[in-house]
């Protein structure tokens, strides 16, 4: 894909910052240093690598992209019993350190709820927000949460809610497998993937980027992955109905990992949200949509 991957080294900076409670946060800044700042929240499992649009693409778009490893992923230190909303103080720390007063936020898949948390709790700093193929809150009223969801995700979330120790055991094993063979995660999902996702996975560059991202996510183990899943199956720490900044929601009708019903539920409850549903798209199509969404965020 032409808009994904690495880029010129001079436009990428990585730094270890210190959270308010003393934890390490691994931060990556790419694109145009003087550009419009956009925080990006990675999927589950994932890392600050994204995958994001290429740095030269971000530069031409006039975007300064800020991404970071959520606690327990990559080089970021774990935060035990974290909620989705616990990402907000880390974003404030990073923004203050870089010198950003106002910024947009975007999250893909497991990053979607975290972007929405910032939109809800930082109305004076977040200019616009977007969530692509996001989940809705656990136990959302009026939503059959598991309807249309792939069996692997149903199993992971139900296990997290009822037998968290078993979830930990399974994800530790999965993380070890990914470290040994980063491509194994997506090979295991192949039988569940709808055709649009299989088309995306047929692209060798996409597979490589996702594999590199997954390997970095579990560099030191499964902690971030475990804590993400547990956070999604617990109260998020904010109400999406409290969001007052402009929000774009994007989903593929054929998504089986974050069913489109979740996006529709969010769209019905976030005031004035712009909802984009693509009939022939699925979960991983969000990768190629990300650059266009980021461009709309800075308009």
Protein backbone atom coordinates (compact mmCIF):
# COMPACT_ATOMS: atom_id res chain seq x y z
CA UNK A 1 0.00 0.00 0.00
CA UNK A 2 1.42 3.37 -0.98
CA UNK A 3 0.31 5.29 2.11
CA UNK A 4 1.52 2.94 4.84
CA UNK A 5 4.85 2.04 6.34
CA UNK A 6 8.06 3.75 7.33
CA UNK A 7 9.61 6.86 5.89
CA UNK A 8 12.49 9.32 5.94
CA UNK A 9 14.44 8.94 9.18
CA UNK A 10 14.77 12.69 9.63
CA UNK A 11 11.00 13.00 10.10
CA UNK A 12 10.67 10.32 12.81
CA UNK A 13 11.61 10.86 16.45
CA UNK A 14 11.21 8.42 19.32
CA UNK A 15 11.49 9.28 22.99
CA UNK A 16 10.88 7.71 26.38
CA UNK A 17 8.83 10.09 28.52
CA UNK A 18 7.77 9.86 32.14
CA UNK A 19 4.08 9.67 33.03
CA UNK A 20 2.66 11.63 35.94
CA UNK A 21 2.97 8.52 38.13
CA UNK A 22 6.55 7.85 37.03
CA UNK A 23 5.89 5.15 34.41
CA UNK A 24 7.84 5.02 31.15
CA UNK A 25 5.90 5.96 27.99
CA UNK A 26 7.43 5.23 24.58
CA UNK A 27 6.44 8.01 22.16
CA UNK A 28 6.93 8.25 18.40
CA UNK A 29 6.51 11.53 16.46
CA UNK A 30 6.47 11.43 12.66
CA UNK A 31 5.48 13.59 9.71
CA UNK A 32 5.92 17.37 9.62
CA UNK A 33 7.37 18.78 12.87
CA UNK A 34 5.46 22.04 12.45
CA UNK A 35 2.33 20.35 11.09
CA UNK A 36 -1.15 19.94 12.53
CA UNK A 37 -0.81 17.60 15.54
CA UNK A 38 -2.82 14.37 15.48
CA UNK A 39 -2.59 11.72 18.19
CA UNK A 40 -2.96 8.17 16.87
CA UNK A 41 -4.09 5.26 19.08
CA UNK A 42 -3.01 1.81 17.92
CA UNK A 43 -5.08 -1.38 17.79
CA UNK A 44 -5.08 -4.45 20.06
CA UNK A 45 -2.43 -5.77 20.20
CA UNK A 46 -0.36 -2.93 18.78
CA UNK A 47 2.37 -0.37 19.20
CA UNK A 48 3.36 3.17 18.32
CA UNK A 49 4.37 1.86 14.87
CA UNK A 50 0.67 1.99 13.92
CA UNK A 51 0.69 1.02 11.17
CA UNK A 52 0.55 4.70 10.24
CA UNK A 53 0.70 6.42 6.85
CA UNK A 54 4.25 6.80 5.57
CA UNK A 55 6.13 9.68 7.13
CA UNK A 56 6.59 11.40 3.76
CA UNK A 57 2.82 11.20 3.20
CA UNK A 58 2.18 12.73 6.62
CA UNK A 59 4.73 15.45 5.84
CA UNK A 60 3.04 16.36 2.56
CA UNK A 61 -0.33 16.40 4.32
CA UNK A 62 1.03 18.84 6.89
CA UNK A 63 0.46 16.45 9.81
CA UNK A 64 2.56 15.86 12.88
CA UNK A 65 1.51 12.37 14.02
CA UNK A 66 2.03 11.45 17.67
CA UNK A 67 1.69 7.80 18.62
CA UNK A 68 2.75 5.88 21.69
CA UNK A 69 2.81 2.39 23.14
CA UNK A 70 -0.09 2.05 25.56
CA UNK A 71 0.97 0.79 29.01
CA UNK A 72 2.32 -2.75 28.84
CA UNK A 73 3.04 -2.62 25.10
CA UNK A 74 6.44 -2.16 23.47
CA UNK A 75 8.68 -0.02 25.65
CA UNK A 76 5.88 1.50 27.78
CA UNK A 77 5.65 0.40 31.38
CA UNK A 78 2.54 -1.44 32.55
CA UNK A 79 -0.31 0.27 34.43
CA UNK A 80 -2.18 -2.37 36.40
CA UNK A 81 -6.00 -2.41 36.37
CA UNK A 82 -6.15 0.42 33.87
CA UNK A 83 -9.41 1.59 32.34
CA UNK A 84 -9.89 2.98 28.85
CA UNK A 85 -10.06 6.51 30.33
CA UNK A 86 -6.66 6.06 32.00
CA UNK A 87 -5.08 6.86 28.64
CA UNK A 88 -6.10 10.51 29.02
CA UNK A 89 -3.47 11.60 31.60
CA UNK A 90 -0.75 10.02 29.44
CA UNK A 91 -1.95 12.02 26.42
CA UNK A 92 -1.87 15.21 28.51
CA UNK A 93 1.68 14.41 29.66
CA UNK A 94 2.86 13.81 26.08
CA UNK A 95 1.10 16.89 24.69
CA UNK A 96 2.55 19.11 27.42
CA UNK A 97 6.03 17.71 26.89
CA UNK A 98 5.87 18.35 23.13
CA UNK A 99 4.23 21.73 23.64
CA UNK A 100 0.83 21.04 22.12
CA UNK A 101 -2.15 22.96 23.43
CA UNK A 102 -4.68 21.68 20.88
CA UNK A 103 -4.68 18.49 18.81
CA UNK A 104 -6.89 16.00 17.00
CA UNK A 105 -7.18 12.31 17.96
CA UNK A 106 -7.81 9.16 15.93
CA UNK A 107 -7.94 5.50 16.94
CA UNK A 108 -8.21 2.31 14.91
CA UNK A 109 -9.86 -0.86 16.29
CA UNK A 110 -8.75 -1.18 19.94
CA UNK A 111 -7.50 2.40 19.71
CA UNK A 112 -10.98 3.72 18.95
CA UNK A 113 -12.29 3.72 22.54
CA UNK A 114 -9.10 5.47 23.69
CA UNK A 115 -9.52 8.25 21.14
CA UNK A 116 -13.13 8.67 22.27
CA UNK A 117 -11.96 8.90 25.90
CA UNK A 118 -9.80 11.89 24.99
CA UNK A 119 -12.68 13.49 23.08
CA UNK A 120 -14.93 13.10 26.12
CA UNK A 121 -12.50 14.24 28.80
CA UNK A 122 -10.38 16.85 27.01
CA UNK A 123 -12.97 19.07 25.28
CA UNK A 124 -10.75 22.16 25.61
CA UNK A 125 -7.78 20.48 23.93
CA UNK A 126 -9.17 18.00 21.38
CA UNK A 127 -10.24 19.74 18.18
CA UNK A 128 -11.71 16.73 16.36
CA UNK A 129 -11.82 12.97 16.90
CA UNK A 130 -12.20 9.86 14.79
CA UNK A 131 -12.66 6.18 15.61
CA UNK A 132 -12.31 3.54 12.92
CA UNK A 133 -13.77 0.02 13.41
CA UNK A 134 -14.18 0.70 17.12
CA UNK A 135 -15.89 -1.36 19.77
CA UNK A 136 -18.78 0.04 21.79
CA UNK A 137 -18.72 0.00 25.61
CA UNK A 138 -19.10 -3.35 27.33
CA UNK A 139 -22.73 -4.01 28.30
CA UNK A 140 -23.99 -1.16 26.11
CA UNK A 141 -27.74 -0.83 26.56
CA UNK A 142 -29.67 -1.73 23.41
CA UNK A 143 -26.73 -3.48 21.73
CA UNK A 144 -26.27 -7.22 21.25
CA UNK A 145 -22.54 -6.89 21.87
CA UNK A 146 -21.52 -10.23 20.32
CA UNK A 147 -23.87 -10.24 17.33
CA UNK A 148 -21.85 -10.67 14.13
CA UNK A 149 -18.54 -11.05 16.01
CA UNK A 150 -15.93 -13.69 15.10
CA UNK A 151 -15.71 -16.64 17.45
CA UNK A 152 -12.12 -15.86 18.50
CA UNK A 153 -13.15 -12.42 19.77
CA UNK A 154 -16.29 -13.74 21.44
CA UNK A 155 -14.16 -16.30 23.25
CA UNK A 156 -11.54 -13.73 24.31
CA UNK A 157 -14.04 -11.23 25.69
CA UNK A 158 -16.25 -13.77 27.46
CA UNK A 159 -13.17 -15.35 29.01
CA UNK A 160 -11.92 -11.92 30.12
CA UNK A 161 -15.23 -11.22 31.82
CA UNK A 162 -15.68 -14.61 33.50
CA UNK A 163 -12.21 -16.19 33.82
CA UNK A 164 -9.53 -13.49 33.62
CA UNK A 165 -6.78 -15.85 34.79
CA UNK A 166 -7.53 -18.15 31.86
CA UNK A 167 -7.41 -15.17 29.49
CA UNK A 168 -3.98 -14.25 30.86
CA UNK A 169 -2.69 -17.77 30.27
CA UNK A 170 -3.97 -17.82 26.69
CA UNK A 171 -2.64 -14.39 25.75
CA UNK A 172 0.77 -15.12 27.26
CA UNK A 173 0.90 -18.18 24.99
CA UNK A 174 -0.29 -16.16 21.99
CA UNK A 175 2.30 -13.43 22.63
CA UNK A 176 5.08 -16.01 22.78
CA UNK A 177 3.89 -17.45 19.48
CA UNK A 178 3.90 -14.00 17.86
CA UNK A 179 7.43 -13.31 19.10
CA UNK A 180 8.53 -16.57 17.50
CA UNK A 181 6.57 -15.99 14.28
CA UNK A 182 4.94 -12.53 13.97
CA UNK A 183 2.83 -13.58 10.98
CA UNK A 184 1.13 -16.34 12.99
CA UNK A 185 -1.47 -14.01 14.48
CA UNK A 186 -3.05 -13.31 11.11
CA UNK A 187 -2.66 -16.85 9.84
CA UNK A 188 -4.71 -17.98 12.86
CA UNK A 189 -7.46 -15.50 11.96
CA UNK A 190 -7.61 -16.47 8.29
CA UNK A 191 -10.57 -18.86 8.58
CA UNK A 192 -12.65 -16.13 10.23
CA UNK A 193 -11.74 -13.31 7.87
CA UNK A 194 -14.35 -12.08 5.39
CA UNK A 195 -13.25 -11.67 1.80
CA UNK A 196 -12.33 -7.94 2.05
CA UNK A 197 -9.90 -8.73 4.89
CA UNK A 198 -8.39 -11.60 2.92
CA UNK A 199 -7.77 -9.19 0.04
CA UNK A 200 -5.96 -6.84 2.39
CA UNK A 201 -3.87 -9.67 3.80
CA UNK A 202 -2.89 -10.69 0.28
CA UNK A 203 -0.80 -7.50 0.11
CA UNK A 204 2.70 -8.47 1.23
CA UNK A 205 3.44 -4.94 2.50
CA UNK A 206 0.33 -4.93 4.68
CA UNK A 207 1.23 -8.31 6.14
CA UNK A 208 4.77 -7.16 6.84
CA UNK A 209 3.67 -3.95 8.56
CA UNK A 210 1.11 -5.72 10.71
CA UNK A 211 3.59 -8.43 11.65
CA UNK A 212 6.23 -5.86 12.65
CA UNK A 213 3.63 -3.96 14.67
CA UNK A 214 2.49 -7.12 16.49
CA UNK A 215 6.06 -8.18 17.24
CA UNK A 216 6.82 -4.79 18.76
CA UNK A 217 3.57 -4.92 20.78
CA UNK A 218 4.63 -8.10 22.58
CA UNK A 219 8.35 -7.26 22.78
CA UNK A 220 8.32 -7.86 26.56
CA UNK A 221 5.23 -10.04 26.79
CA UNK A 222 1.44 -9.91 26.75
CA UNK A 223 0.79 -7.31 29.48
CA UNK A 224 -0.59 -4.57 27.21
CA UNK A 225 -2.77 -7.01 25.29
CA UNK A 226 -4.16 -8.50 28.50
CA UNK A 227 -4.89 -5.09 30.00
CA UNK A 228 -6.57 -3.82 26.82
CA UNK A 229 -8.99 -6.75 26.70
CA UNK A 230 -9.77 -6.48 30.42
CA UNK A 231 -10.37 -2.73 30.04
CA UNK A 232 -12.79 -3.27 27.14
CA UNK A 233 -14.78 -5.70 29.33
CA UNK A 234 -15.04 -3.21 32.21
CA UNK A 235 -16.57 0.26 32.63
CA UNK A 236 -14.65 2.61 30.37
CA UNK A 237 -14.54 5.52 32.82
CA UNK A 238 -16.53 7.98 30.69
CA UNK A 239 -19.81 8.26 28.78
CA UNK A 240 -19.68 8.62 25.01
CA UNK A 241 -22.79 10.79 25.21
CA UNK A 242 -20.65 13.42 26.98
CA UNK A 243 -18.53 13.99 23.87
CA UNK A 244 -19.00 17.49 22.49
CA UNK A 245 -16.21 17.76 19.92
CA UNK A 246 -16.79 16.78 16.26
CA UNK A 247 -16.43 13.00 15.82
CA UNK A 248 -16.16 10.83 12.72
CA UNK A 249 -16.95 7.11 13.00
CA UNK A 250 -15.87 4.74 10.23
CA UNK A 251 -16.75 1.05 9.80
CA UNK A 252 -17.02 -1.70 7.24
CA UNK A 253 -20.34 -3.48 6.92
CA UNK A 254 -18.57 -6.86 6.68
CA UNK A 255 -16.38 -6.45 9.77
CA UNK A 256 -16.48 -9.49 12.07
CA UNK A 257 -13.87 -8.32 14.59
CA UNK A 258 -15.54 -5.00 15.52
CA UNK A 259 -19.07 -5.50 14.16
CA UNK A 260 -20.66 -2.55 12.40
CA UNK A 261 -23.48 -2.55 14.96
CA UNK A 262 -20.97 -1.17 17.48
CA UNK A 263 -20.25 1.84 15.27
CA UNK A 264 -23.95 2.41 14.66
CA UNK A 265 -24.57 2.29 18.43
CA UNK A 266 -21.83 4.87 18.99
CA UNK A 267 -23.21 7.04 16.21
CA UNK A 268 -26.64 7.07 17.82
CA UNK A 269 -25.21 8.27 21.15
CA UNK A 270 -22.36 10.63 20.31
CA UNK A 271 -23.93 14.04 19.59
CA UNK A 272 -23.71 15.03 15.92
CA UNK A 273 -21.30 12.21 15.04
CA UNK A 274 -20.55 11.70 11.34
CA UNK A 275 -20.97 7.98 10.63
CA UNK A 276 -19.31 6.47 7.56
CA UNK A 277 -20.31 2.85 6.77
CA UNK A 278 -18.70 1.17 3.76
CA UNK A 279 -20.88 -1.72 2.46
CA UNK A 280 -18.06 -3.73 0.85
CA UNK A 281 -15.40 -3.13 3.51
CA UNK A 282 -14.33 -5.05 6.60
CA UNK A 283 -11.95 -4.61 9.54
CA UNK A 284 -8.55 -4.18 7.91
CA UNK A 285 -9.84 -1.80 5.24
CA UNK A 286 -9.48 0.84 7.94
CA UNK A 287 -5.72 0.71 7.30
CA UNK A 288 -6.08 2.22 3.83
CA UNK A 289 -8.75 4.69 5.01
CA UNK A 290 -6.61 6.16 7.81
CA UNK A 291 -4.79 8.79 5.74
CA UNK A 292 -8.05 10.23 4.40
CA UNK A 293 -9.57 10.32 7.89
CA UNK A 294 -6.52 12.11 9.26
CA UNK A 295 -6.74 14.64 6.44
CA UNK A 296 -10.36 15.37 7.39
CA UNK A 297 -9.37 15.80 11.05
CA UNK A 298 -7.15 18.81 10.28
CA UNK A 299 -9.53 20.64 7.98
